[in-house]
Amino acid sequence: MEKYTYQIVSMDMDNAGSVSSKIKKLLRERGVDKNIIRRVAIASYEAEINVVIHSVGGYCEVNIDDDTLTMNFIDYGPGIISIENAMKKGWSTASKLDHELGFGAGMGFPNMKDASDRLDVTSSSDGTNVEIFFNLR
């Protein structure tokens, strides 16, 4: 199993999406099916953007082998008030600035769930862990 870790900086809009691009490149180099890469790109981008705009920073851990890809997006808080609401299309706590920059439409978790084979979210005031799973076969 290969493991990678990528730092994600809060409010770093200039680099938002760079982790997703690195994961996409990694999968291309491994010859993963283009449809799977597209789904991974959607889920990883949404998770990365959530860390950038909603947290005080964090990181992404990627574990990959021949059959599976697991991505853990971990941030340092402040946490999600209601995971149940966050899973609803259109629900958002994004700031006015985030909206002006084109983020915060409330589709992050719904898109992650639709794109992945499994999505697990845990959150407290200390931070959030979003685990996203894909079958690569």
C-alpha atoms as a PDB file:
ATOM      1  CA  MET A   1       0.000   0.000   0.000  1.00  0.00           C
ATOM      2  CA  GLU A   2       1.223   3.467  -0.883  1.00  0.00           C
ATOM      3  CA  LYS A   3       0.581   6.393   1.469  1.00  0.00           C
ATOM      4  CA  TYR A   4       0.686  10.115   0.756  1.00  0.00           C
ATOM      5  CA  THR A   5       0.012  13.147   2.944  1.00  0.00           C
ATOM      6  CA  TYR A   6      -0.838  16.622   1.656  1.00  0.00           C
ATOM      7  CA  GLN A   7      -1.141  19.786   3.757  1.00  0.00           C
ATOM      8  CA  ILE A   8      -4.203  22.022   3.227  1.00  0.00           C
ATOM      9  CA  VAL A   9      -4.020  25.661   4.324  1.00  0.00           C
ATOM     10  CA  SER A  10      -7.091  27.540   5.512  1.00  0.00           C
ATOM     11  CA  MET A  11      -8.293  30.306   3.182  1.00  0.00           C
ATOM     12  CA  ASP A  12      -5.481  29.640   0.669  1.00  0.00           C
ATOM     13  CA  MET A  13      -7.673  30.187  -2.379  1.00  0.00           C
ATOM     14  CA  ASP A  14      -4.647  30.395  -4.696  1.00  0.00           C
ATOM     15  CA  ASN A  15      -3.798  26.740  -4.014  1.00  0.00           C
ATOM     16  CA  ALA A  16      -7.322  25.408  -3.480  1.00  0.00           C
ATOM     17  CA  GLY A  17      -7.648  22.320  -5.659  1.00  0.00           C
ATOM     18  CA  SER A  18      -3.932  21.509  -5.773  1.00  0.00           C
ATOM     19  CA  VAL A  19      -4.287  18.412  -3.564  1.00  0.00           C
ATOM     20  CA  SER A  20      -7.075  17.125  -5.808  1.00  0.00           C
ATOM     21  CA  SER A  21      -4.864  17.664  -8.849  1.00  0.00           C
ATOM     22  CA  LYS A  22      -2.024  15.691  -7.246  1.00  0.00           C
ATOM     23  CA  ILE A  23      -4.351  12.784  -6.452  1.00  0.00           C
ATOM     24  CA  LYS A  24      -5.717  12.837 -10.001  1.00  0.00           C
ATOM     25  CA  LYS A  25      -2.175  12.772 -11.421  1.00  0.00           C
ATOM     26  CA  LEU A  26      -1.256   9.860  -9.137  1.00  0.00           C
ATOM     27  CA  LEU A  27      -4.233   7.846 -10.386  1.00  0.00           C
ATOM     28  CA  ARG A  28      -3.457   8.612 -14.040  1.00  0.00           C
ATOM     29  CA  GLU A  29       0.111   7.383 -13.524  1.00  0.00           C
ATOM     30  CA  ARG A  30      -1.288   4.124 -12.091  1.00  0.00           C
ATOM     31  CA  GLY A  31      -3.546   3.653 -15.120  1.00  0.00           C
ATOM     32  CA  VAL A  32      -6.804   3.891 -13.166  1.00  0.00           C
ATOM     33  CA  ASP A  33      -9.991   3.996 -15.245  1.00  0.00           C
ATOM     34  CA  LYS A  34     -10.921   7.531 -16.358  1.00  0.00           C
ATOM     35  CA  ASN A  35     -14.438   7.271 -14.923  1.00  0.00           C
ATOM     36  CA  ILE A  36     -13.042   6.420 -11.494  1.00  0.00           C
ATOM     37  CA  ILE A  37     -10.520   9.258 -11.747  1.00  0.00           C
ATOM     38  CA  ARG A  38     -13.368  11.673 -12.542  1.00  0.00           C
ATOM     39  CA  ARG A  39     -15.330  10.522  -9.474  1.00  0.00           C
ATOM     40  CA  VAL A  40     -12.242  10.762  -7.255  1.00  0.00           C
ATOM     41  CA  ALA A  41     -11.507  14.250  -8.597  1.00  0.00           C
ATOM     42  CA  ILE A  42     -15.025  15.438  -7.758  1.00  0.00           C
ATOM     43  CA  ALA A  43     -14.976  14.035  -4.226  1.00  0.00           C
ATOM     44  CA  SER A  44     -11.427  15.130  -3.414  1.00  0.00           C
ATOM     45  CA  TYR A  45     -11.984  18.658  -4.730  1.00  0.00           C
ATOM     46  CA  GLU A  46     -15.166  19.098  -2.682  1.00  0.00           C
ATOM     47  CA  ALA A  47     -13.475  17.784   0.479  1.00  0.00           C
ATOM     48  CA  GLU A  48     -10.387  19.930  -0.075  1.00  0.00           C
ATOM     49  CA  ILE A  49     -12.449  23.077  -0.613  1.00  0.00           C
ATOM     50  CA  ASN A  50     -14.368  22.362   2.592  1.00  0.00           C
ATOM     51  CA  VAL A  51     -11.086  22.280   4.521  1.00  0.00           C
ATOM     52  CA  VAL A  52      -9.925  25.497   2.846  1.00  0.00           C
ATOM     53  CA  ILE A  53     -13.072  27.555   3.448  1.00  0.00           C
ATOM     54  CA  HIS A  54     -14.556  26.072   6.630  1.00  0.00           C
ATOM     55  CA  SER A  55     -11.615  25.117   8.865  1.00  0.00           C
ATOM     56  CA  VAL A  56      -8.441  26.478  10.384  1.00  0.00           C
ATOM     57  CA  GLY A  57      -6.442  24.115   8.153  1.00  0.00           C
ATOM     58  CA  GLY A  58      -5.686  20.448   7.919  1.00  0.00           C
ATOM     59  CA  TYR A  59      -4.384  17.743   5.643  1.00  0.00           C
ATOM     60  CA  CYS A  60      -5.318  14.845   3.394  1.00  0.00           C
ATOM     61  CA  GLU A  61      -4.043  11.297   3.828  1.00  0.00           C
ATOM     62  CA  VAL A  62      -4.251   9.081   0.752  1.00  0.00           C
ATOM     63  CA  ASN A  63      -3.906   5.302   0.929  1.00  0.00           C
ATOM     64  CA  ILE A  64      -3.881   3.403  -2.348  1.00  0.00           C
ATOM     65  CA  ASP A  65      -3.324  -0.167  -3.422  1.00  0.00           C
ATOM     66  CA  ASP A  66      -4.349  -2.172  -6.484  1.00  0.00           C
ATOM     67  CA  ASP A  67      -7.983  -2.460  -5.382  1.00  0.00           C
ATOM     68  CA  THR A  68      -8.867   0.545  -3.211  1.00  0.00           C
ATOM     69  CA  LEU A  69      -8.302   4.221  -2.638  1.00  0.00           C
ATOM     70  CA  THR A  70      -9.026   5.831   0.711  1.00  0.00           C
ATOM     71  CA  MET A  71      -8.773   9.575   1.264  1.00  0.00           C
ATOM     72  CA  ASN A  72      -8.990  11.069   4.756  1.00  0.00           C
ATOM     73  CA  PHE A  73      -9.494  14.816   4.853  1.00  0.00           C
ATOM     74  CA  ILE A  74      -8.756  15.901   8.409  1.00  0.00           C
ATOM     75  CA  ASP A  75      -9.084  19.433   9.720  1.00  0.00           C
ATOM     76  CA  TYR A  76      -8.415  21.132  13.045  1.00  0.00           C
ATOM     77  CA  GLY A  77     -11.838  22.641  13.640  1.00  0.00           C
ATOM     78  CA  PRO A  78     -14.184  24.296  14.329  1.00  0.00           C
ATOM     79  CA  GLY A  79     -16.240  21.254  13.286  1.00  0.00           C
ATOM     80  CA  ILE A  80     -19.576  20.758  11.565  1.00  0.00           C
ATOM     81  CA  ILE A  81     -22.604  21.912  13.551  1.00  0.00           C
ATOM     82  CA  SER A  82     -24.926  19.346  11.954  1.00  0.00           C
ATOM     83  CA  ILE A  83     -23.633  16.533   9.735  1.00  0.00           C
ATOM     84  CA  GLU A  84     -27.243  15.685   8.912  1.00  0.00           C
ATOM     85  CA  ASN A  85     -27.838  19.190   7.526  1.00  0.00           C
ATOM     86  CA  ALA A  86     -24.445  19.256   5.782  1.00  0.00           C
ATOM     87  CA  MET A  87     -25.527  16.200   3.773  1.00  0.00           C
ATOM     88  CA  LYS A  88     -28.552  18.074   2.386  1.00  0.00           C
ATOM     89  CA  LYS A  89     -28.267  19.669  -1.041  1.00  0.00           C
ATOM     90  CA  GLY A  90     -28.051  23.447  -0.774  1.00  0.00           C
ATOM     91  CA  TRP A  91     -27.273  23.651   2.949  1.00  0.00           C
ATOM     92  CA  SER A  92     -24.214  25.818   3.571  1.00  0.00           C
ATOM     93  CA  THR A  93     -22.466  27.794   6.278  1.00  0.00           C
ATOM     94  CA  ALA A  94     -20.104  29.471   3.800  1.00  0.00           C
ATOM     95  CA  SER A  95     -19.341  33.146   4.317  1.00  0.00           C
ATOM     96  CA  LYS A  96     -20.386  35.946   2.005  1.00  0.00           C
ATOM     97  CA  LEU A  97     -16.802  36.126   0.716  1.00  0.00           C
ATOM     98  CA  ASP A  98     -16.804  32.399  -0.042  1.00  0.00           C
ATOM     99  CA  HIS A  99     -20.002  32.861  -2.066  1.00  0.00           C
ATOM    100  CA  GLU A 100     -18.507  35.833  -3.912  1.00  0.00           C
ATOM    101  CA  LEU A 101     -15.530  33.644  -4.834  1.00  0.00           C
ATOM    102  CA  GLY A 102     -17.862  30.962  -6.210  1.00  0.00           C
ATOM    103  CA  PHE A 103     -17.768  28.536  -3.271  1.00  0.00           C
ATOM    104  CA  GLY A 104     -20.329  27.455  -0.694  1.00  0.00           C
ATOM    105  CA  ALA A 105     -23.248  26.311  -2.848  1.00  0.00           C
ATOM    106  CA  GLY A 106     -24.067  23.574  -0.361  1.00  0.00           C
ATOM    107  CA  MET A 107     -23.230  20.715  -2.717  1.00  0.00           C
ATOM    108  CA  GLY A 108     -19.928  19.554  -1.182  1.00  0.00           C
ATOM    109  CA  PHE A 109     -21.104  16.580   0.846  1.00  0.00           C
ATOM    110  CA  PRO A 110     -23.883  15.576  -1.559  1.00  0.00           C
ATOM    111  CA  ASN A 111     -21.331  15.543  -4.395  1.00  0.00           C
ATOM    112  CA  MET A 112     -18.822  13.565  -2.298  1.00  0.00           C
ATOM    113  CA  LYS A 113     -21.485  11.020  -1.402  1.00  0.00           C
ATOM    114  CA  ASP A 114     -22.691  10.642  -5.001  1.00  0.00           C
ATOM    115  CA  ALA A 115     -19.152  10.306  -6.398  1.00  0.00           C
ATOM    116  CA  SER A 116     -17.726   7.870  -3.841  1.00  0.00           C
ATOM    117  CA  ASP A 117     -18.325   4.235  -3.036  1.00  0.00           C
ATOM    118  CA  ARG A 118     -18.541   5.135   0.655  1.00  0.00           C
ATOM    119  CA  LEU A 119     -18.379   8.354   2.661  1.00  0.00           C
ATOM    120  CA  ASP A 120     -17.920   8.562   6.434  1.00  0.00           C
ATOM    121  CA  VAL A 121     -17.954  11.878   8.273  1.00  0.00           C
ATOM    122  CA  THR A 122     -17.177  12.499  11.935  1.00  0.00           C
ATOM    123  CA  SER A 123     -16.918  15.920  13.516  1.00  0.00           C
ATOM    124  CA  SER A 124     -16.482  17.694  16.828  1.00  0.00           C
ATOM    125  CA  SER A 125     -15.348  21.147  17.871  1.00  0.00           C
ATOM    126  CA  ASP A 126     -11.772  19.837  17.610  1.00  0.00           C
ATOM    127  CA  GLY A 127     -12.126  19.053  13.926  1.00  0.00           C
ATOM    128  CA  THR A 128     -13.617  16.962  11.189  1.00  0.00           C
ATOM    129  CA  ASN A 129     -12.571  13.723   9.502  1.00  0.00           C
ATOM    130  CA  VAL A 130     -14.031  12.979   6.089  1.00  0.00           C
ATOM    131  CA  GLU A 131     -13.166   9.474   4.856  1.00  0.00           C
ATOM    132  CA  ILE A 132     -13.855   8.787   1.217  1.00  0.00           C
ATOM    133  CA  PHE A 133     -13.557   5.277  -0.221  1.00  0.00           C
ATOM    134  CA  PHE A 134     -13.294   4.056  -3.818  1.00  0.00           C
ATOM    135  CA  ASN A 135     -13.111   0.595  -5.322  1.00  0.00           C
ATOM    136  CA  LEU A 136     -10.539   0.840  -8.106  1.00  0.00           C
ATOM    137  CA  ARG A 137     -11.594  -2.396  -9.838  1.00  0.00           C
END
